[in-house]
C-alpha atoms as a PDB file:
ATOM      1  CA  UNK A   1      -6.859  19.095 -13.033  1.00  0.00           C
ATOM      2  CA  UNK A   2      -3.924  19.216 -10.639  1.00  0.00           C
ATOM      3  CA  UNK A   3      -4.999  19.178  -7.005  1.00  0.00           C
ATOM      4  CA  UNK A   4      -2.838  19.454  -3.885  1.00  0.00           C
ATOM      5  CA  UNK A   5      -4.158  16.922  -1.376  1.00  0.00           C
ATOM      6  CA  UNK A   6      -3.519  17.673   2.312  1.00  0.00           C
ATOM      7  CA  UNK A   7      -4.912  16.060   5.431  1.00  0.00           C
ATOM      8  CA  UNK A   8      -4.947  16.679   9.186  1.00  0.00           C
ATOM      9  CA  UNK A   9      -3.250  20.054   8.917  1.00  0.00           C
ATOM     10  CA  UNK A  10      -4.292  21.115  12.466  1.00  0.00           C
ATOM     11  CA  UNK A  11      -3.674  24.811  11.905  1.00  0.00           C
ATOM     12  CA  UNK A  12      -4.399  25.527  15.564  1.00  0.00           C
ATOM     13  CA  UNK A  13      -1.043  23.841  16.343  1.00  0.00           C
ATOM     14  CA  UNK A  14       1.012  25.639  13.687  1.00  0.00           C
ATOM     15  CA  UNK A  15       3.448  28.498  14.236  1.00  0.00           C
ATOM     16  CA  UNK A  16       3.769  31.529  11.987  1.00  0.00           C
ATOM     17  CA  UNK A  17       6.814  29.968  10.315  1.00  0.00           C
ATOM     18  CA  UNK A  18       4.948  26.685   9.853  1.00  0.00           C
ATOM     19  CA  UNK A  19       2.094  28.497   8.159  1.00  0.00           C
ATOM     20  CA  UNK A  20       4.531  30.294   5.882  1.00  0.00           C
ATOM     21  CA  UNK A  21       6.189  27.003   4.913  1.00  0.00           C
ATOM     22  CA  UNK A  22       2.802  25.436   4.184  1.00  0.00           C
ATOM     23  CA  UNK A  23       1.729  28.301   1.946  1.00  0.00           C
ATOM     24  CA  UNK A  24       5.057  28.203   0.123  1.00  0.00           C
ATOM     25  CA  UNK A  25       4.592  24.493  -0.551  1.00  0.00           C
ATOM     26  CA  UNK A  26       1.228  25.179  -2.105  1.00  0.00           C
ATOM     27  CA  UNK A  27       2.516  28.113  -4.125  1.00  0.00           C
ATOM     28  CA  UNK A  28       5.481  26.126  -5.501  1.00  0.00           C
ATOM     29  CA  UNK A  29       3.189  23.249  -6.491  1.00  0.00           C
ATOM     30  CA  UNK A  30       0.969  25.560  -8.557  1.00  0.00           C
ATOM     31  CA  UNK A  31      -2.185  23.479  -8.068  1.00  0.00           C
ATOM     32  CA  UNK A  32      -5.478  24.315  -9.681  1.00  0.00           C
ATOM     33  CA  UNK A  33      -7.204  23.452  -6.399  1.00  0.00           C
ATOM     34  CA  UNK A  34      -6.453  22.283  -2.853  1.00  0.00           C
ATOM     35  CA  UNK A  35      -8.190  19.328  -1.194  1.00  0.00           C
ATOM     36  CA  UNK A  36      -8.168  18.926   2.604  1.00  0.00           C
ATOM     37  CA  UNK A  37      -9.481  15.695   4.114  1.00  0.00           C
ATOM     38  CA  UNK A  38     -10.315  16.956   7.580  1.00  0.00           C
ATOM     39  CA  UNK A  39      -8.860  18.098  10.892  1.00  0.00           C
ATOM     40  CA  UNK A  40      -8.269  21.668   9.836  1.00  0.00           C
ATOM     41  CA  UNK A  41      -8.582  23.214  13.295  1.00  0.00           C
ATOM     42  CA  UNK A  42     -10.983  22.932  16.280  1.00  0.00           C
ATOM     43  CA  UNK A  43     -14.625  23.795  16.794  1.00  0.00           C
ATOM     44  CA  UNK A  44     -13.710  27.193  18.223  1.00  0.00           C
ATOM     45  CA  UNK A  45     -11.176  28.107  15.525  1.00  0.00           C
ATOM     46  CA  UNK A  46     -12.477  26.429  12.367  1.00  0.00           C
ATOM     47  CA  UNK A  47     -14.117  29.580  10.974  1.00  0.00           C
ATOM     48  CA  UNK A  48     -11.055  31.788  11.381  1.00  0.00           C
ATOM     49  CA  UNK A  49      -8.740  29.096   9.983  1.00  0.00           C
ATOM     50  CA  UNK A  50     -10.940  28.583   6.937  1.00  0.00           C
ATOM     51  CA  UNK A  51     -10.913  32.336   6.475  1.00  0.00           C
ATOM     52  CA  UNK A  52      -7.105  32.322   6.743  1.00  0.00           C
ATOM     53  CA  UNK A  53      -6.909  29.624   4.074  1.00  0.00           C
ATOM     54  CA  UNK A  54      -9.293  31.446   1.750  1.00  0.00           C
ATOM     55  CA  UNK A  55      -7.322  34.666   2.172  1.00  0.00           C
ATOM     56  CA  UNK A  56      -3.880  33.159   1.593  1.00  0.00           C
ATOM     57  CA  UNK A  57      -4.466  30.351  -0.929  1.00  0.00           C
ATOM     58  CA  UNK A  58      -5.166  31.671  -4.414  1.00  0.00           C
ATOM     59  CA  UNK A  59      -7.043  28.673  -5.826  1.00  0.00           C
ATOM     60  CA  UNK A  60     -10.311  26.930  -4.844  1.00  0.00           C
ATOM     61  CA  UNK A  61     -10.223  24.894  -1.632  1.00  0.00           C
ATOM     62  CA  UNK A  62     -12.347  21.769  -1.294  1.00  0.00           C
ATOM     63  CA  UNK A  63     -12.606  20.192   2.141  1.00  0.00           C
ATOM     64  CA  UNK A  64     -14.354  17.871   4.528  1.00  0.00           C
ATOM     65  CA  UNK A  65     -14.186  18.256   8.290  1.00  0.00           C
ATOM     66  CA  UNK A  66     -12.604  15.870  10.769  1.00  0.00           C
ATOM     67  CA  UNK A  67     -13.325  14.985  14.374  1.00  0.00           C
ATOM     68  CA  UNK A  68     -10.946  17.688  15.701  1.00  0.00           C
ATOM     69  CA  UNK A  69     -12.913  20.322  13.832  1.00  0.00           C
ATOM     70  CA  UNK A  70     -15.735  19.837  16.376  1.00  0.00           C
ATOM     71  CA  UNK A  71     -13.587  19.939  19.542  1.00  0.00           C
ATOM     72  CA  UNK A  72     -14.783  22.323  22.300  1.00  0.00           C
ATOM     73  CA  UNK A  73     -18.083  22.765  20.457  1.00  0.00           C
ATOM     74  CA  UNK A  74     -21.023  20.782  19.085  1.00  0.00           C
ATOM     75  CA  UNK A  75     -22.054  19.622  15.629  1.00  0.00           C
ATOM     76  CA  UNK A  76     -24.776  22.203  15.057  1.00  0.00           C
ATOM     77  CA  UNK A  77     -22.633  25.179  16.087  1.00  0.00           C
ATOM     78  CA  UNK A  78     -19.687  24.131  13.946  1.00  0.00           C
ATOM     79  CA  UNK A  79     -21.830  23.362  10.910  1.00  0.00           C
ATOM     80  CA  UNK A  80     -23.543  26.718  11.155  1.00  0.00           C
ATOM     81  CA  UNK A  81     -20.286  28.642  11.567  1.00  0.00           C
ATOM     82  CA  UNK A  82     -18.753  26.876   8.564  1.00  0.00           C
ATOM     83  CA  UNK A  83     -21.835  27.557   6.447  1.00  0.00           C
ATOM     84  CA  UNK A  84     -21.618  31.204   7.448  1.00  0.00           C
ATOM     85  CA  UNK A  85     -17.972  31.546   6.419  1.00  0.00           C
ATOM     86  CA  UNK A  86     -18.675  29.927   3.048  1.00  0.00           C
ATOM     87  CA  UNK A  87     -21.027  32.781   2.194  1.00  0.00           C
ATOM     88  CA  UNK A  88     -18.146  35.253   2.416  1.00  0.00           C
ATOM     89  CA  UNK A  89     -15.443  33.223   0.671  1.00  0.00           C
ATOM     90  CA  UNK A  90     -16.370  31.734  -2.713  1.00  0.00           C
ATOM     91  CA  UNK A  91     -13.036  29.878  -2.889  1.00  0.00           C
ATOM     92  CA  UNK A  92     -14.151  27.593  -0.051  1.00  0.00           C
ATOM     93  CA  UNK A  93     -16.202  24.488  -0.894  1.00  0.00           C
ATOM     94  CA  UNK A  94     -17.410  22.111   1.835  1.00  0.00           C
ATOM     95  CA  UNK A  95     -17.756  18.836  -0.047  1.00  0.00           C
ATOM     96  CA  UNK A  96     -20.254  17.363   2.397  1.00  0.00           C
ATOM     97  CA  UNK A  97     -22.698  20.074   1.318  1.00  0.00           C
ATOM     98  CA  UNK A  98     -21.492  20.280  -2.258  1.00  0.00           C
ATOM     99  CA  UNK A  99     -22.552  18.356  -5.350  1.00  0.00           C
ATOM    100  CA  UNK A 100     -18.937  17.529  -6.177  1.00  0.00           C
ATOM    101  CA  UNK A 101     -17.016  18.364  -9.330  1.00  0.00           C
ATOM    102  CA  UNK A 102     -15.490  16.961 -12.463  1.00  0.00           C
ATOM    103  CA  UNK A 103     -11.730  16.850 -11.949  1.00  0.00           C
ATOM    104  CA  UNK A 104     -11.081  15.117 -15.268  1.00  0.00           C
ATOM    105  CA  UNK A 105     -12.885  14.193 -18.443  1.00  0.00           C
ATOM    106  CA  UNK A 106     -14.332  11.061 -16.857  1.00  0.00           C
ATOM    107  CA  UNK A 107     -13.415  11.542 -13.166  1.00  0.00           C
ATOM    108  CA  UNK A 108     -15.642  13.017 -10.473  1.00  0.00           C
ATOM    109  CA  UNK A 109     -14.794  14.100  -6.910  1.00  0.00           C
ATOM    110  CA  UNK A 110     -17.246  13.661  -4.014  1.00  0.00           C
ATOM    111  CA  UNK A 111     -16.785  14.075  -0.277  1.00  0.00           C
ATOM    112  CA  UNK A 112     -18.273  13.416   3.159  1.00  0.00           C
ATOM    113  CA  UNK A 113     -16.721  13.496   6.624  1.00  0.00           C
ATOM    114  CA  UNK A 114     -17.198   9.936   7.846  1.00  0.00           C
ATOM    115  CA  UNK A 115     -16.792   9.115  11.538  1.00  0.00           C
ATOM    116  CA  UNK A 116     -15.186   6.450  13.714  1.00  0.00           C
ATOM    117  CA  UNK A 117     -18.439   4.514  13.958  1.00  0.00           C
ATOM    118  CA  UNK A 118     -17.637   1.805  16.543  1.00  0.00           C
ATOM    119  CA  UNK A 119     -18.647  -1.017  14.199  1.00  0.00           C
ATOM    120  CA  UNK A 120     -15.242  -2.609  13.594  1.00  0.00           C
ATOM    121  CA  UNK A 121     -13.432  -4.300  16.459  1.00  0.00           C
ATOM    122  CA  UNK A 122     -14.859  -4.370  19.986  1.00  0.00           C
ATOM    123  CA  UNK A 123     -15.786  -0.843  21.014  1.00  0.00           C
ATOM    124  CA  UNK A 124     -17.084  -1.933  24.420  1.00  0.00           C
ATOM    125  CA  UNK A 125     -13.906  -3.811  25.333  1.00  0.00           C
ATOM    126  CA  UNK A 126     -11.156  -1.594  23.908  1.00  0.00           C
ATOM    127  CA  UNK A 127      -9.113   0.404  26.463  1.00  0.00           C
ATOM    128  CA  UNK A 128      -8.709   3.248  23.939  1.00  0.00           C
ATOM    129  CA  UNK A 129     -10.496   6.441  24.905  1.00  0.00           C
ATOM    130  CA  UNK A 130     -10.635   9.295  22.395  1.00  0.00           C
ATOM    131  CA  UNK A 131     -10.726  12.978  23.284  1.00  0.00           C
ATOM    132  CA  UNK A 132     -13.700  13.165  20.907  1.00  0.00           C
ATOM    133  CA  UNK A 133     -15.921  11.749  23.605  1.00  0.00           C
ATOM    134  CA  UNK A 134     -14.804  14.359  26.132  1.00  0.00           C
ATOM    135  CA  UNK A 135     -14.433  17.441  23.935  1.00  0.00           C
ATOM    136  CA  UNK A 136     -17.414  17.261  21.557  1.00  0.00           C
ATOM    137  CA  UNK A 137     -20.586  18.228  23.414  1.00  0.00           C
ATOM    138  CA  UNK A 138     -22.839  15.835  21.476  1.00  0.00           C
ATOM    139  CA  UNK A 139     -20.675  12.851  22.475  1.00  0.00           C
ATOM    140  CA  UNK A 140     -19.969  13.680  26.113  1.00  0.00           C
ATOM    141  CA  UNK A 141     -21.327  12.033  29.242  1.00  0.00           C
ATOM    142  CA  UNK A 142     -22.732   8.790  27.832  1.00  0.00           C
ATOM    143  CA  UNK A 143     -22.242   5.210  28.934  1.00  0.00           C
ATOM    144  CA  UNK A 144     -20.301   3.193  26.377  1.00  0.00           C
ATOM    145  CA  UNK A 145     -23.287   1.297  24.891  1.00  0.00           C
ATOM    146  CA  UNK A 146     -25.198   4.541  24.368  1.00  0.00           C
ATOM    147  CA  UNK A 147     -22.123   6.234  22.903  1.00  0.00           C
ATOM    148  CA  UNK A 148     -21.608   3.280  20.571  1.00  0.00           C
ATOM    149  CA  UNK A 149     -25.117   3.670  19.185  1.00  0.00           C
ATOM    150  CA  UNK A 150     -24.572   7.393  18.645  1.00  0.00           C
ATOM    151  CA  UNK A 151     -21.326   6.756  16.765  1.00  0.00           C
ATOM    152  CA  UNK A 152     -22.977   4.087  14.645  1.00  0.00           C
ATOM    153  CA  UNK A 153     -25.715   6.553  13.726  1.00  0.00           C
ATOM    154  CA  UNK A 154     -23.109   9.139  12.706  1.00  0.00           C
ATOM    155  CA  UNK A 155     -21.333   6.647  10.477  1.00  0.00           C
ATOM    156  CA  UNK A 156     -24.582   5.616   8.842  1.00  0.00           C
ATOM    157  CA  UNK A 157     -25.597   9.227   8.336  1.00  0.00           C
ATOM    158  CA  UNK A 158     -22.459   9.941   6.336  1.00  0.00           C
ATOM    159  CA  UNK A 159     -22.740   6.669   4.405  1.00  0.00           C
ATOM    160  CA  UNK A 160     -26.304   7.546   3.427  1.00  0.00           C
ATOM    161  CA  UNK A 161     -25.191  10.997   2.268  1.00  0.00           C
ATOM    162  CA  UNK A 162     -22.439   9.453   0.182  1.00  0.00           C
ATOM    163  CA  UNK A 163     -24.782   6.907  -1.362  1.00  0.00           C
ATOM    164  CA  UNK A 164     -27.174   9.654  -2.393  1.00  0.00           C
ATOM    165  CA  UNK A 165     -24.350  11.664  -3.924  1.00  0.00           C
ATOM    166  CA  UNK A 166     -23.095   8.666  -5.901  1.00  0.00           C
ATOM    167  CA  UNK A 167     -26.561   7.795  -7.181  1.00  0.00           C
ATOM    168  CA  UNK A 168     -27.093  11.366  -8.348  1.00  0.00           C
ATOM    169  CA  UNK A 169     -23.791  11.701 -10.176  1.00  0.00           C
ATOM    170  CA  UNK A 170     -24.100   8.309 -11.868  1.00  0.00           C
ATOM    171  CA  UNK A 171     -27.562   9.215 -13.081  1.00  0.00           C
ATOM    172  CA  UNK A 172     -26.320  12.519 -14.461  1.00  0.00           C
ATOM    173  CA  UNK A 173     -22.946  11.295 -15.768  1.00  0.00           C
ATOM    174  CA  UNK A 174     -23.127   7.598 -16.709  1.00  0.00           C
ATOM    175  CA  UNK A 175     -19.866   7.865 -18.706  1.00  0.00           C
ATOM    176  CA  UNK A 176     -17.625   8.212 -15.624  1.00  0.00           C
ATOM    177  CA  UNK A 177     -14.588   5.937 -15.352  1.00  0.00           C
ATOM    178  CA  UNK A 178     -13.464   7.015 -11.876  1.00  0.00           C
ATOM    179  CA  UNK A 179     -15.073   8.410  -8.751  1.00  0.00           C
ATOM    180  CA  UNK A 180     -12.785   9.907  -6.121  1.00  0.00           C
ATOM    181  CA  UNK A 181     -14.149  10.083  -2.587  1.00  0.00           C
ATOM    182  CA  UNK A 182     -12.626  12.461  -0.046  1.00  0.00           C
ATOM    183  CA  UNK A 183     -13.363  11.526   3.560  1.00  0.00           C
ATOM    184  CA  UNK A 184     -11.655  11.922   6.901  1.00  0.00           C
ATOM    185  CA  UNK A 185     -11.920   8.513   8.561  1.00  0.00           C
ATOM    186  CA  UNK A 186     -10.476   5.408   6.860  1.00  0.00           C
ATOM    187  CA  UNK A 187     -13.308   3.132   5.718  1.00  0.00           C
ATOM    188  CA  UNK A 188     -11.572  -0.201   6.439  1.00  0.00           C
ATOM    189  CA  UNK A 189      -9.291  -1.670   9.129  1.00  0.00           C
ATOM    190  CA  UNK A 190      -6.804  -2.352   6.339  1.00  0.00           C
ATOM    191  CA  UNK A 191      -6.658   1.387   5.603  1.00  0.00           C
ATOM    192  CA  UNK A 192      -6.128   2.506   9.226  1.00  0.00           C
ATOM    193  CA  UNK A 193      -2.334   2.695   9.257  1.00  0.00           C
ATOM    194  CA  UNK A 194       0.273   3.143  11.993  1.00  0.00           C
ATOM    195  CA  UNK A 195       4.019   2.789  11.446  1.00  0.00           C
ATOM    196  CA  UNK A 196       3.581   0.602   8.390  1.00  0.00           C
ATOM    197  CA  UNK A 197       0.921  -1.634   9.921  1.00  0.00           C
ATOM    198  CA  UNK A 198      -2.851  -1.438   9.722  1.00  0.00           C
ATOM    199  CA  UNK A 199      -5.882  -2.766  11.528  1.00  0.00           C
ATOM    200  CA  UNK A 200      -4.758  -2.556  15.190  1.00  0.00           C
ATOM    201  CA  UNK A 201      -7.723  -4.199  17.004  1.00  0.00           C
ATOM    202  CA  UNK A 202      -7.982  -1.727  19.896  1.00  0.00           C
ATOM    203  CA  UNK A 203      -7.929   1.282  17.579  1.00  0.00           C
ATOM    204  CA  UNK A 204     -10.159   0.321  14.674  1.00  0.00           C
ATOM    205  CA  UNK A 205     -13.486   0.990  16.479  1.00  0.00           C
ATOM    206  CA  UNK A 206     -12.610   4.702  16.536  1.00  0.00           C
ATOM    207  CA  UNK A 207     -10.378   4.872  13.469  1.00  0.00           C
ATOM    208  CA  UNK A 208     -12.595   3.312  10.804  1.00  0.00           C
ATOM    209  CA  UNK A 209     -16.028   4.085   9.383  1.00  0.00           C
ATOM    210  CA  UNK A 210     -17.464   0.676   8.586  1.00  0.00           C
ATOM    211  CA  UNK A 211     -20.739   2.090   7.277  1.00  0.00           C
ATOM    212  CA  UNK A 212     -18.863   3.873   4.495  1.00  0.00           C
ATOM    213  CA  UNK A 213     -16.577   0.873   3.984  1.00  0.00           C
ATOM    214  CA  UNK A 214     -19.534  -1.450   3.467  1.00  0.00           C
ATOM    215  CA  UNK A 215     -21.052   0.994   0.995  1.00  0.00           C
ATOM    216  CA  UNK A 216     -17.801   1.250  -0.955  1.00  0.00           C
ATOM    217  CA  UNK A 217     -17.525  -2.527  -1.308  1.00  0.00           C
ATOM    218  CA  UNK A 218     -21.079  -2.658  -2.606  1.00  0.00           C
ATOM    219  CA  UNK A 219     -20.402   0.157  -5.071  1.00  0.00           C
ATOM    220  CA  UNK A 220     -17.191  -1.439  -6.326  1.00  0.00           C
ATOM    221  CA  UNK A 221     -18.980  -4.743  -6.904  1.00  0.00           C
ATOM    222  CA  UNK A 222     -22.060  -3.147  -8.448  1.00  0.00           C
ATOM    223  CA  UNK A 223     -20.088  -0.887 -10.801  1.00  0.00           C
ATOM    224  CA  UNK A 224     -16.998  -2.916 -11.783  1.00  0.00           C
ATOM    225  CA  UNK A 225     -16.203  -0.617 -14.719  1.00  0.00           C
ATOM    226  CA  UNK A 226     -15.738   2.373 -12.413  1.00  0.00           C
ATOM    227  CA  UNK A 227     -12.509   2.811 -10.468  1.00  0.00           C
ATOM    228  CA  UNK A 228     -13.167   3.975  -6.916  1.00  0.00           C
ATOM    229  CA  UNK A 229     -10.389   5.969  -5.237  1.00  0.00           C
ATOM    230  CA  UNK A 230     -10.655   7.011  -1.588  1.00  0.00           C
ATOM    231  CA  UNK A 231      -8.491   9.772  -0.071  1.00  0.00           C
ATOM    232  CA  UNK A 232      -8.591   9.914   3.740  1.00  0.00           C
ATOM    233  CA  UNK A 233      -6.555  10.744   6.835  1.00  0.00           C
ATOM    234  CA  UNK A 234      -7.296  10.703  10.589  1.00  0.00           C
ATOM    235  CA  UNK A 235      -4.501   8.428  11.822  1.00  0.00           C
ATOM    236  CA  UNK A 236      -1.559  10.596  10.645  1.00  0.00           C
ATOM    237  CA  UNK A 237       0.196   7.594   9.045  1.00  0.00           C
ATOM    238  CA  UNK A 238       0.498   6.892   5.342  1.00  0.00           C
ATOM    239  CA  UNK A 239      -0.614   3.740   3.580  1.00  0.00           C
ATOM    240  CA  UNK A 240      -2.347   2.363   0.525  1.00  0.00           C
ATOM    241  CA  UNK A 241      -4.596  -0.664   0.218  1.00  0.00           C
ATOM    242  CA  UNK A 242      -6.438  -2.285  -2.672  1.00  0.00           C
ATOM    243  CA  UNK A 243      -9.755  -3.647  -1.403  1.00  0.00           C
ATOM    244  CA  UNK A 244     -11.042  -4.650  -4.830  1.00  0.00           C
ATOM    245  CA  UNK A 245      -9.388  -4.533  -8.237  1.00  0.00           C
ATOM    246  CA  UNK A 246     -11.330  -1.289  -8.764  1.00  0.00           C
ATOM    247  CA  UNK A 247     -11.240   0.069  -5.176  1.00  0.00           C
ATOM    248  CA  UNK A 248      -8.131   1.674  -3.676  1.00  0.00           C
ATOM    249  CA  UNK A 249      -7.851   3.596  -0.403  1.00  0.00           C
ATOM    250  CA  UNK A 250      -5.025   6.103   0.062  1.00  0.00           C
ATOM    251  CA  UNK A 251      -4.471   7.231   3.654  1.00  0.00           C
ATOM    252  CA  UNK A 252      -2.426  10.387   4.137  1.00  0.00           C
ATOM    253  CA  UNK A 253       0.418  11.248   6.497  1.00  0.00           C
ATOM    254  CA  UNK A 254       0.336  14.205   8.847  1.00  0.00           C
ATOM    255  CA  UNK A 255       2.485  15.741  11.582  1.00  0.00           C
ATOM    256  CA  UNK A 256       1.289  18.151  14.253  1.00  0.00           C
ATOM    257  CA  UNK A 257       2.780  21.592  13.737  1.00  0.00           C
ATOM    258  CA  UNK A 258       4.033  20.883  10.214  1.00  0.00           C
ATOM    259  CA  UNK A 259       1.185  20.848   7.697  1.00  0.00           C
ATOM    260  CA  UNK A 260       2.204  19.676   4.264  1.00  0.00           C
ATOM    261  CA  UNK A 261       0.965  18.505   0.906  1.00  0.00           C
ATOM    262  CA  UNK A 262       0.477  14.739   1.047  1.00  0.00           C
ATOM    263  CA  UNK A 263       0.704  14.549  -2.728  1.00  0.00           C
ATOM    264  CA  UNK A 264      -0.258  16.220  -5.954  1.00  0.00           C
ATOM    265  CA  UNK A 265      -3.085  14.368  -7.641  1.00  0.00           C
ATOM    266  CA  UNK A 266      -3.632  14.939 -11.354  1.00  0.00           C
ATOM    267  CA  UNK A 267      -6.427  13.924 -13.687  1.00  0.00           C
ATOM    268  CA  UNK A 268      -6.556  14.376 -17.455  1.00  0.00           C
ATOM    269  CA  UNK A 269      -9.020  16.922 -18.780  1.00  0.00           C
END
């Protein structure tokens, strides 16, 4: 399968010409599917932007959401609106609520959102303040220690979902050689890139999901014959890191107003 991987496309910031350019990129690439690792729009525009994608992209679209996809709304409202739009557009597949799919003879794709879970670095001391904690209703108005606990719970929630997905697919398909995991937030400080560098101490509390990172290390060690590939975004800067001989994290580049294909990923049938 040939899949066009995109991340952080922020369609709410894109002009008509930018949308046209993005669609032309996809059309020229002739992918069998499109994968988007989060930050598609905002909480108030996510449904219409998913509908726009489903109407204008002629192949299946697999996606996870990012933090921006909940802005100006709350988790329950966004999740419900996305579930509603899926019922009308069979090309759309929300990986968090999807069993995943075989993208090659021995390769399987899974996905969950992930979240900046305030476990890496010093969340209580960092001067960094994300818009997430002002623009997402569920995360607004809390003292830092309370907010930290909420973020940790979110990270663990997604890690638990991912673990359950992995256990299910390995039980059903023990022959797999590779599992690809699509997520929004980088799972390790080493995979949170900016201008060629990674792991900036003040930023990693909000730009890594340690709960998922810890799970991935355990999976890589427990299943050494499986190659684990992670595709993520969030920080808008590109980088690649090998965390184990069988665990690689690819972080995608993005630019506001100019959505693009990060790369074409191909697996043998």
